[in-house]
Protein backbone atom coordinates (compact mmCIF):
# COMPACT_ATOMS: atom_id res chain seq x y z
CA MET A 1 0.00 0.00 0.00
CA SER A 2 1.39 3.40 -1.02
CA VAL A 3 0.22 6.02 1.47
CA ARG A 4 0.53 9.58 0.13
CA VAL A 5 0.24 12.73 2.19
CA GLY A 6 -0.57 16.21 0.92
CA TYR A 7 -1.33 19.32 2.92
CA MET A 8 -3.55 22.38 2.96
CA PRO A 9 -2.91 25.57 4.91
CA GLY A 10 -6.12 25.82 6.90
CA PHE A 11 -6.98 29.32 8.11
CA LEU A 12 -4.81 31.87 6.31
CA GLY A 13 -5.40 34.84 8.60
CA ARG A 14 -3.02 37.81 8.52
CA GLU A 15 -0.08 35.62 7.48
CA GLY A 16 -1.95 34.49 4.39
CA GLN A 17 -2.54 38.08 3.33
CA ASP A 18 1.17 38.40 2.62
CA PRO A 19 1.51 37.28 -1.03
CA ASP A 20 4.91 35.71 -0.21
CA TYR A 21 3.26 33.36 2.30
CA LEU A 22 2.27 31.01 -0.53
CA ARG A 23 5.90 30.71 -1.62
CA ARG A 24 6.87 29.75 1.95
CA LEU A 25 4.11 27.15 2.11
CA VAL A 26 5.34 25.60 -1.14
CA ALA A 27 8.94 25.53 0.10
CA VAL A 28 7.88 23.46 3.14
CA GLY A 29 6.16 20.93 0.88
CA ASP A 30 9.23 20.53 -1.29
CA LYS A 31 11.62 20.31 1.65
CA TYR A 32 9.75 17.49 3.38
CA HIS A 33 8.60 15.69 0.22
CA TYR A 34 4.88 16.15 0.73
CA ASP A 35 2.95 14.69 -2.20
CA SER A 36 0.69 17.65 -2.93
CA ILE A 37 -0.68 21.02 -1.81
CA TRP A 38 -4.41 21.81 -1.64
CA PHE A 39 -6.68 24.82 -1.51
CA SER A 40 -10.36 24.89 -0.63
CA ASP A 41 -13.01 26.77 -2.59
CA ARG A 42 -14.74 29.63 -0.76
CA ILE A 43 -16.10 31.98 -3.42
CA VAL A 44 -18.24 34.07 -1.07
CA SER A 45 -16.79 34.55 2.41
CA ASP A 46 -15.75 37.33 4.77
CA ARG A 47 -12.84 35.11 5.85
CA PHE A 48 -9.67 35.66 3.80
CA SER A 49 -9.23 32.91 1.19
CA VAL A 50 -7.65 32.55 -2.24
CA GLU A 51 -9.31 31.23 -5.39
CA PRO A 52 -7.86 27.71 -5.76
CA MET A 53 -7.28 27.55 -9.51
CA ILE A 54 -5.40 30.87 -9.49
CA ALA A 55 -3.39 29.98 -6.36
CA LEU A 56 -2.44 26.59 -7.78
CA SER A 57 -1.18 28.16 -10.98
CA MET A 58 1.28 30.08 -8.79
CA VAL A 59 2.24 26.85 -7.01
CA ALA A 60 2.94 25.23 -10.38
CA ALA A 61 5.45 28.00 -11.07
CA TYR A 62 7.05 27.81 -7.61
CA SER A 63 7.45 23.99 -7.51
CA GLN A 64 8.35 21.50 -10.20
CA ARG A 65 7.22 18.46 -8.21
CA LEU A 66 4.24 19.19 -5.94
CA LYS A 67 0.87 18.01 -7.23
CA LEU A 68 -1.91 20.59 -7.22
CA GLY A 69 -5.17 19.77 -5.46
CA THR A 70 -8.57 21.46 -5.17
CA SER A 71 -10.27 20.54 -1.93
CA VAL A 72 -12.89 20.75 -3.16
CA LEU A 73 -14.14 22.85 -6.07
CA ALA A 74 -17.75 23.94 -5.62
CA MET A 75 -19.01 22.27 -8.79
CA PRO A 76 -22.64 23.48 -8.74
CA VAL A 77 -21.64 27.18 -8.94
CA ARG A 78 -19.16 26.79 -11.81
CA ASN A 79 -19.81 26.54 -15.53
CA PRO A 80 -18.45 23.14 -16.64
CA VAL A 81 -17.20 24.32 -20.05
CA LEU A 82 -15.22 27.18 -18.54
CA LEU A 83 -13.97 24.97 -15.71
CA ALA A 84 -12.97 22.23 -18.17
CA LYS A 85 -10.89 24.82 -20.03
CA GLN A 86 -9.24 26.03 -16.82
CA ILE A 87 -8.47 22.51 -15.61
CA ALA A 88 -7.13 21.43 -18.99
CA THR A 89 -4.88 24.49 -19.22
CA LEU A 90 -3.41 24.10 -15.73
CA ASP A 91 -2.95 20.36 -16.17
CA PHE A 92 -1.19 20.99 -19.50
CA LEU A 93 1.10 23.69 -18.11
CA SER A 94 1.96 21.69 -14.97
CA GLN A 95 2.58 18.53 -17.03
CA GLY A 96 -0.15 16.46 -15.46
CA ARG A 97 0.13 17.51 -11.82
CA LEU A 98 -3.41 18.81 -11.30
CA LEU A 99 -5.80 16.92 -9.01
CA PRO A 100 -9.29 18.34 -9.68
CA PHE A 101 -11.45 17.23 -6.76
CA VAL A 102 -15.00 18.53 -6.68
CA GLY A 103 -17.99 18.65 -4.37
CA LEU A 104 -21.47 20.08 -3.95
CA GLY A 105 -20.33 23.35 -2.39
CA GLN A 106 -21.47 25.20 0.70
CA GLU A 107 -24.86 24.91 2.36
CA ASP A 108 -25.42 28.69 2.36
CA PRO A 109 -27.82 29.54 -0.50
CA GLU A 110 -26.33 33.04 -0.78
CA GLU A 111 -23.25 31.70 -2.57
CA TYR A 112 -25.39 29.97 -5.19
CA GLU A 113 -27.44 33.10 -5.73
CA ALA A 114 -24.34 35.29 -6.02
CA CYS A 115 -22.93 32.98 -8.70
CA GLY A 116 -26.16 32.86 -10.71
CA PHE A 117 -27.36 29.39 -9.67
CA THR A 118 -29.78 27.88 -7.20
CA LYS A 119 -29.03 25.19 -4.67
CA HIS A 120 -31.87 23.05 -6.05
CA GLY A 121 -30.67 20.05 -8.06
CA ARG A 122 -27.02 20.55 -7.21
CA GLY A 123 -26.33 16.80 -7.04
CA PRO A 124 -27.59 15.91 -10.54
CA ARG A 125 -26.10 19.15 -11.89
CA THR A 126 -22.69 18.13 -10.54
CA GLU A 127 -22.89 14.67 -12.09
CA GLU A 128 -23.88 16.07 -15.48
CA ALA A 129 -21.07 18.62 -15.31
CA ILE A 130 -18.45 15.94 -14.59
CA ARG A 131 -19.59 13.84 -17.54
CA LEU A 132 -19.55 16.88 -19.82
CA MET A 133 -16.05 17.92 -18.71
CA ARG A 134 -14.69 14.46 -19.41
CA ARG A 135 -16.07 14.60 -22.95
CA LEU A 136 -14.53 18.04 -23.50
CA TRP A 137 -11.13 16.77 -22.32
CA GLN A 138 -11.20 13.72 -24.56
CA GLU A 139 -13.20 14.74 -27.63
CA ASP A 140 -13.46 17.50 -30.21
CA HIS A 141 -16.73 18.95 -31.53
CA VAL A 142 -18.75 18.02 -28.44
CA THR A 143 -22.51 18.42 -28.59
CA HIS A 144 -24.37 18.02 -25.32
CA GLN A 145 -28.03 18.51 -24.48
CA GLY A 146 -28.84 17.83 -20.84
CA PRO A 147 -31.21 18.94 -18.10
CA PHE A 148 -28.76 21.61 -16.91
CA PHE A 149 -26.21 22.30 -19.65
CA THR A 150 -26.28 22.64 -23.43
CA CYS A 151 -23.49 23.12 -25.96
CA HIS A 152 -23.12 22.47 -29.69
CA ASP A 153 -19.97 21.54 -31.62
CA VAL A 154 -17.63 22.71 -28.83
CA THR A 155 -13.89 22.01 -28.77
CA ILE A 156 -11.48 23.14 -26.06
CA THR A 157 -7.69 23.26 -26.30
CA PRO A 158 -5.18 22.51 -25.03
CA LYS A 159 -6.20 19.03 -24.04
CA PRO A 160 -5.00 17.97 -20.59
CA CYS A 161 -1.62 16.32 -20.20
CA SER A 162 -3.26 13.59 -18.07
CA LYS A 163 -4.66 10.85 -20.30
CA PRO A 164 -7.34 10.01 -21.10
CA SER A 165 -8.33 12.90 -18.83
CA PRO A 166 -7.67 14.24 -15.31
CA GLN A 167 -9.15 12.03 -12.63
CA VAL A 168 -12.08 13.70 -10.90
CA TRP A 169 -12.43 12.80 -7.25
CA ILE A 170 -15.58 13.77 -5.37
CA GLY A 171 -16.03 14.94 -1.80
CA GLY A 172 -18.86 14.43 0.69
CA ARG A 173 -19.31 12.34 3.83
CA SER A 174 -22.82 10.97 3.22
CA SER A 175 -23.87 7.68 1.67
CA ALA A 176 -25.34 9.69 -1.22
CA ALA A 177 -21.90 11.21 -1.84
CA ALA A 178 -20.30 7.76 -1.79
CA ARG A 179 -22.83 6.55 -4.36
CA ARG A 180 -22.10 9.60 -6.52
CA VAL A 181 -18.44 8.67 -6.50
CA GLY A 182 -19.35 5.18 -7.64
CA ARG A 183 -21.51 6.52 -10.48
CA VAL A 184 -19.25 9.22 -11.93
CA GLY A 185 -16.10 9.73 -9.83
CA ASP A 186 -12.56 8.42 -10.01
CA GLY A 187 -11.99 8.58 -6.26
CA TRP A 188 -13.39 9.76 -2.94
CA LEU A 189 -11.93 12.52 -0.74
CA VAL A 190 -13.82 13.12 2.47
CA SER A 191 -13.47 15.47 5.45
CA GLY A 192 -14.85 15.20 8.96
CA ALA A 193 -15.23 11.40 8.77
CA THR A 194 -14.27 8.82 11.38
CA PRO A 195 -12.30 5.68 10.41
CA GLU A 196 -15.44 3.56 10.77
CA GLU A 197 -17.35 5.87 8.41
CA ILE A 198 -14.54 5.48 5.90
CA ARG A 199 -14.81 1.71 6.18
CA VAL A 200 -18.57 1.69 5.59
CA ARG A 201 -18.75 4.32 2.84
CA ARG A 202 -15.77 2.79 1.04
CA ASP A 203 -17.84 -0.33 0.46
CA ILE A 204 -20.65 1.83 -0.93
CA VAL A 205 -18.25 3.52 -3.37
CA PHE A 206 -16.96 0.28 -4.83
CA GLY A 207 -20.33 -1.49 -4.68
CA THR A 208 -22.00 1.34 -6.63
CA ALA A 209 -19.18 1.41 -9.18
CA LYS A 210 -19.64 -2.31 -9.77
CA VAL A 211 -23.38 -1.88 -10.33
CA HIS A 212 -22.65 0.81 -12.93
CA GLN A 213 -19.93 -1.33 -14.55
CA ARG A 214 -17.22 1.13 -13.66
CA GLU A 215 -13.78 0.61 -12.14
CA ILE A 216 -12.28 2.79 -9.41
CA GLU A 217 -8.73 2.09 -8.33
CA ASN A 218 -8.48 0.48 -4.89
CA ASP A 219 -6.21 3.19 -3.51
CA HIS A 220 -8.44 6.08 -4.56
CA ILE A 221 -9.89 6.73 -1.11
CA GLY A 222 -8.68 9.89 0.60
CA VAL A 223 -9.19 11.72 3.90
CA ILE A 224 -8.84 15.40 4.81
CA LEU A 225 -7.47 15.15 8.33
CA GLY A 226 -7.16 18.03 10.75
CA TYR A 227 -4.21 17.74 13.12
CA TYR A 228 -2.20 19.53 15.76
CA ILE A 229 1.06 18.16 17.17
CA THR A 230 2.14 18.99 20.70
CA PRO A 231 3.45 16.88 23.62
CA ASN A 232 0.38 17.85 25.64
CA ALA A 233 -2.60 15.91 24.24
CA GLU A 234 -5.16 17.84 26.30
CA GLY A 235 -3.63 21.14 25.23
CA SER A 236 -3.82 20.13 21.59
CA VAL A 237 -7.59 19.63 21.89
CA ARG A 238 -8.08 23.08 23.40
CA LYS A 239 -5.87 24.69 20.76
CA ALA A 240 -7.42 22.91 17.80
CA HIS A 241 -11.07 23.45 18.71
CA ASP A 242 -11.42 26.94 17.24
CA TYR A 243 -9.75 25.98 13.96
CA VAL A 244 -11.93 23.07 12.93
CA ALA A 245 -13.54 24.02 9.62
CA ARG A 246 -16.91 22.53 10.48
CA HIS A 247 -17.90 20.95 13.80
CA ARG A 248 -20.32 18.03 13.66
CA HIS A 249 -23.30 17.90 15.99
CA ASP A 250 -23.27 14.11 16.33
CA VAL A 251 -19.55 13.37 16.79
CA HIS A 252 -16.89 15.30 18.72
CA PHE A 253 -14.13 16.62 16.48
CA THR A 254 -11.51 14.57 18.32
CA GLU A 255 -13.02 11.47 16.69
CA TYR A 256 -12.02 12.68 13.22
CA SER A 257 -8.82 14.61 14.00
CA ALA A 258 -5.23 13.69 14.86
CA LEU A 259 -4.13 15.49 18.02
CA GLY A 260 -1.29 15.22 20.51
CA PRO A 261 2.29 13.91 20.25
CA ALA A 262 3.63 12.97 16.82
CA GLN A 263 3.38 9.25 17.49
CA LYS A 264 -0.29 9.57 18.37
CA VAL A 265 -0.86 11.36 15.04
CA VAL A 266 0.87 8.44 13.29
CA GLU A 267 -1.41 6.00 15.11
CA THR A 268 -4.52 7.96 14.13
CA MET A 269 -3.46 7.99 10.50
CA GLN A 270 -2.78 4.27 10.67
CA ARG A 271 -6.35 3.65 11.85
CA TYR A 272 -7.58 5.40 8.71
CA VAL A 273 -5.24 3.30 6.58
CA GLU A 274 -6.63 0.14 8.19
CA ALA A 275 -10.15 1.40 7.42
CA GLY A 276 -9.26 1.67 3.72
CA ALA A 277 -7.87 5.19 3.18
CA ASP A 278 -4.67 5.55 1.18
CA LYS A 279 -4.41 9.30 0.61
CA PHE A 280 -4.30 12.07 3.20
CA VAL A 281 -4.64 15.82 2.98
CA VAL A 282 -3.52 17.09 6.37
CA ARG A 283 -4.70 20.45 7.66
CA PRO A 284 -3.06 22.15 10.67
CA LEU A 285 -5.68 23.15 13.24
CA CYS A 286 -3.94 26.29 14.40
CA PRO A 287 -3.47 30.01 13.70
CA ALA A 288 -1.80 30.87 10.40
CA GLU A 289 1.38 31.95 12.18
CA GLU A 290 1.86 28.36 13.43
CA THR A 291 0.96 26.58 10.18
CA ILE A 292 4.44 26.31 8.69
CA GLU A 293 5.91 25.12 11.99
CA GLN A 294 3.19 22.44 12.25
CA LEU A 295 3.87 21.30 8.68
CA GLU A 296 7.59 21.09 9.48
CA ILE A 297 6.93 18.97 12.58
CA LEU A 298 4.66 16.59 10.67
CA GLY A 299 7.16 16.48 7.80
CA SER A 300 10.08 15.57 10.04
CA GLU A 301 8.39 13.36 12.66
CA VAL A 302 5.33 11.79 11.01
CA LEU A 303 6.01 11.38 7.28
CA PRO A 304 9.13 9.22 7.85
CA GLN A 305 6.86 6.64 9.53
CA PHE A 306 5.39 5.81 6.12
CA PRO A 307 7.59 3.83 3.68
CA VAL A 308 7.18 6.04 0.61
CA TYR A 309 8.50 9.05 2.55
CA ALA A 310 11.16 7.16 4.49
CA ALA A 311 12.68 6.12 1.15
CA MET A 312 13.05 9.79 0.13
CA ARG A 313 15.18 10.77 3.12
């Protein structure tokens, strides 16, 4: 099993408002051989955030090795033809390093309204958009007439470097999201999920794919995992609480986070591996001014515990 670990910066805060902060984040990833760097998609928000496709184009210029992940693009508020063009261009320029992961977007209806869409039908709209983008990446002169999107004799260039097309992973913790992955996705990336939920939903992903006569690679199950490393386990819980992206009402955040000494973080990640996850996107649960330090600690003390990273040292 080849466990890969990428990272995302979490809350950017005042540090993130320095344009050079992105360069420093990239340098950490290259130094410690992280697999990839990820940015979330918050189009409408009073909290400082960067647009992921633009930010990742900068990353592609800063690093020649890091893969570029979207965690996750809000598919229902984006035009699939325009997005297909953007993804194809960045994948072409980065020589196949783009990881376009998509989801249903935020719950707040104001973002949909501001982008010219409604929240209604966002699931079917996302599935249709994914199918249309794949055709645009692989074919010329595409004509599509669907419930949500229409185009006639459309060709986009350049085609992506990734063949036959970039793999589209889908987010979402619910059983419905897992079934969507099985119907149209190439992999599953989930946040806020416990190891047991990974185990159960993983079976739904592959079972649904089989019903639809599709194949999804066995190692295409990923987890966005919040973490904070400190010798004091109790202190890590207090520190991390305010930086969890979205608290669940039914499960305490400690059940789906990795907190405490480095070895405990390794053990938490191993539980996810045993449940069937092979990819991780780690997210420091801390203020922006501590993010790089936390990524350095994980890079030096946790990543070497996994064979693919130990071999790089």
